Amino acid sequence: MNSRTEISPSGDVAIPRDVRERLAWQAGTPLVLIETADGVTLRRRPACSAFPTKTLADLRALPPTLPAQPIEAISRLSDDDLRRLIR
């Protein structure tokens, strides 16, 4: 269902009550704003990370990858690719 709202002078956007109620979004609900080619999408932020918690010892025990990858290449990896790399 579509709704209308406006950006306030301070940059705030009010989500209409009927939308908040349908989505069960309360004040303080953590959201993620995703920029798309057509505008933005708001989604509830996941409660926990999709990745298992790793300690510094776990990370040090990982085998080195050769050749080293630039951060630009790493940042383009999908979540599935990252999961495969850290398991």
C-alpha atoms as a PDB file:
ATOM      1  CA  MET A   1       0.000   0.000   0.000  1.00  0.00           C
ATOM      2  CA  ASN A   2       1.280   3.497  -0.815  1.00  0.00           C
ATOM      3  CA  SER A   3       1.246   6.518   1.485  1.00  0.00           C
ATOM      4  CA  ARG A   4       2.371  10.105   1.244  1.00  0.00           C
ATOM      5  CA  THR A   5       4.624  12.083   3.533  1.00  0.00           C
ATOM      6  CA  GLU A   6       6.995  15.042   3.345  1.00  0.00           C
ATOM      7  CA  ILE A   7      10.506  15.881   4.448  1.00  0.00           C
ATOM      8  CA  SER A   8      10.475  18.442   7.269  1.00  0.00           C
ATOM      9  CA  PRO A   9      12.829  21.458   7.242  1.00  0.00           C
ATOM     10  CA  SER A  10      15.090  19.535   9.644  1.00  0.00           C
ATOM     11  CA  GLY A  11      15.225  16.532   7.270  1.00  0.00           C
ATOM     12  CA  ASP A  12      12.872  14.281   9.241  1.00  0.00           C
ATOM     13  CA  VAL A  13      10.349  12.052   7.494  1.00  0.00           C
ATOM     14  CA  ALA A  14       7.212  10.982   9.355  1.00  0.00           C
ATOM     15  CA  ILE A  15       5.968   7.468   8.608  1.00  0.00           C
ATOM     16  CA  PRO A  16       2.162   7.513   8.656  1.00  0.00           C
ATOM     17  CA  ARG A  17       0.529   5.792  11.630  1.00  0.00           C
ATOM     18  CA  ASP A  18      -1.362   3.207   9.532  1.00  0.00           C
ATOM     19  CA  VAL A  19       1.924   2.119   7.895  1.00  0.00           C
ATOM     20  CA  ARG A  20       3.719   1.903  11.259  1.00  0.00           C
ATOM     21  CA  GLU A  21       0.865  -0.153  12.684  1.00  0.00           C
ATOM     22  CA  ARG A  22       0.806  -2.603   9.754  1.00  0.00           C
ATOM     23  CA  LEU A  23       4.581  -3.067  10.006  1.00  0.00           C
ATOM     24  CA  ALA A  24       4.556  -3.128  13.836  1.00  0.00           C
ATOM     25  CA  TRP A  25       7.153  -0.343  13.914  1.00  0.00           C
ATOM     26  CA  GLN A  26       7.312   1.435  17.272  1.00  0.00           C
ATOM     27  CA  ALA A  27       9.253   4.570  18.189  1.00  0.00           C
ATOM     28  CA  GLY A  28      12.903   3.544  18.307  1.00  0.00           C
ATOM     29  CA  THR A  29      12.559   0.664  15.820  1.00  0.00           C
ATOM     30  CA  PRO A  30      15.994   0.359  14.148  1.00  0.00           C
ATOM     31  CA  LEU A  31      15.721   0.860  10.387  1.00  0.00           C
ATOM     32  CA  VAL A  32      18.064   0.644   7.422  1.00  0.00           C
ATOM     33  CA  LEU A  33      17.722   3.206   4.632  1.00  0.00           C
ATOM     34  CA  ILE A  34      18.747   1.657   1.303  1.00  0.00           C
ATOM     35  CA  GLU A  35      19.403   3.977  -1.614  1.00  0.00           C
ATOM     36  CA  THR A  36      18.067   2.672  -4.936  1.00  0.00           C
ATOM     37  CA  ALA A  37      18.044   4.041  -8.475  1.00  0.00           C
ATOM     38  CA  ASP A  38      14.431   5.178  -7.961  1.00  0.00           C
ATOM     39  CA  GLY A  39      14.746   6.604  -4.445  1.00  0.00           C
ATOM     40  CA  VAL A  40      15.074   4.876  -1.082  1.00  0.00           C
ATOM     41  CA  THR A  41      13.712   1.810   0.681  1.00  0.00           C
ATOM     42  CA  LEU A  42      13.269   1.552   4.457  1.00  0.00           C
ATOM     43  CA  ARG A  43      13.596  -1.825   6.128  1.00  0.00           C
ATOM     44  CA  ARG A  44      13.707  -3.000   9.701  1.00  0.00           C
ATOM     45  CA  ARG A  45      17.331  -3.564  10.675  1.00  0.00           C
ATOM     46  CA  PRO A  46      18.011  -7.223  11.503  1.00  0.00           C
ATOM     47  CA  ALA A  47      18.264  -7.846  15.241  1.00  0.00           C
ATOM     48  CA  CYS A  48      21.562  -9.663  14.940  1.00  0.00           C
ATOM     49  CA  SER A  49      24.389 -10.096  12.499  1.00  0.00           C
ATOM     50  CA  ALA A  50      24.189 -12.845   9.903  1.00  0.00           C
ATOM     51  CA  PHE A  51      27.810 -13.621  10.680  1.00  0.00           C
ATOM     52  CA  PRO A  52      28.945 -15.687  13.657  1.00  0.00           C
ATOM     53  CA  THR A  53      30.869 -13.790  16.321  1.00  0.00           C
ATOM     54  CA  LYS A  54      34.609 -14.151  15.867  1.00  0.00           C
ATOM     55  CA  THR A  55      37.282 -13.478  18.460  1.00  0.00           C
ATOM     56  CA  LEU A  56      40.659 -11.990  17.649  1.00  0.00           C
ATOM     57  CA  ALA A  57      42.182 -15.463  18.134  1.00  0.00           C
ATOM     58  CA  ASP A  58      39.694 -16.867  15.577  1.00  0.00           C
ATOM     59  CA  LEU A  59      40.693 -14.211  13.072  1.00  0.00           C
ATOM     60  CA  ARG A  60      44.420 -14.775  13.640  1.00  0.00           C
ATOM     61  CA  ALA A  61      43.901 -18.505  13.046  1.00  0.00           C
ATOM     62  CA  LEU A  62      42.473 -17.929   9.567  1.00  0.00           C
ATOM     63  CA  PRO A  63      44.830 -18.926   6.780  1.00  0.00           C
ATOM     64  CA  PRO A  64      46.343 -15.995   4.906  1.00  0.00           C
ATOM     65  CA  THR A  65      44.922 -15.333   1.475  1.00  0.00           C
ATOM     66  CA  LEU A  66      47.352 -14.861  -1.359  1.00  0.00           C
ATOM     67  CA  PRO A  67      47.479 -12.571  -3.170  1.00  0.00           C
ATOM     68  CA  ALA A  68      46.188  -9.835  -0.908  1.00  0.00           C
ATOM     69  CA  GLN A  69      42.951  -8.287  -2.143  1.00  0.00           C
ATOM     70  CA  PRO A  70      42.309  -4.530  -2.299  1.00  0.00           C
ATOM     71  CA  ILE A  71      39.541  -3.276  -0.025  1.00  0.00           C
ATOM     72  CA  GLU A  72      37.502  -2.279  -3.100  1.00  0.00           C
ATOM     73  CA  ALA A  73      37.350  -5.926  -4.213  1.00  0.00           C
ATOM     74  CA  ILE A  74      36.451  -7.142  -0.725  1.00  0.00           C
ATOM     75  CA  SER A  75      33.682  -4.554  -0.317  1.00  0.00           C
ATOM     76  CA  ARG A  76      31.975  -5.827  -3.496  1.00  0.00           C
ATOM     77  CA  LEU A  77      31.656  -9.389  -2.149  1.00  0.00           C
ATOM     78  CA  SER A  78      28.152 -10.625  -1.447  1.00  0.00           C
ATOM     79  CA  ASP A  79      27.085 -11.794   2.016  1.00  0.00           C
ATOM     80  CA  ASP A  80      27.184 -15.393   0.768  1.00  0.00           C
ATOM     81  CA  ASP A  81      30.763 -14.963  -0.489  1.00  0.00           C
ATOM     82  CA  LEU A  82      31.821 -13.495   2.857  1.00  0.00           C
ATOM     83  CA  ARG A  83      30.167 -16.335   4.770  1.00  0.00           C
ATOM     84  CA  ARG A  84      32.092 -18.880   2.681  1.00  0.00           C
ATOM     85  CA  LEU A  85      35.368 -17.043   3.319  1.00  0.00           C
ATOM     86  CA  ILE A  86      35.028 -16.885   7.105  1.00  0.00           C
ATOM     87  CA  ARG A  87      33.827 -20.439   7.701  1.00  0.00           C
END
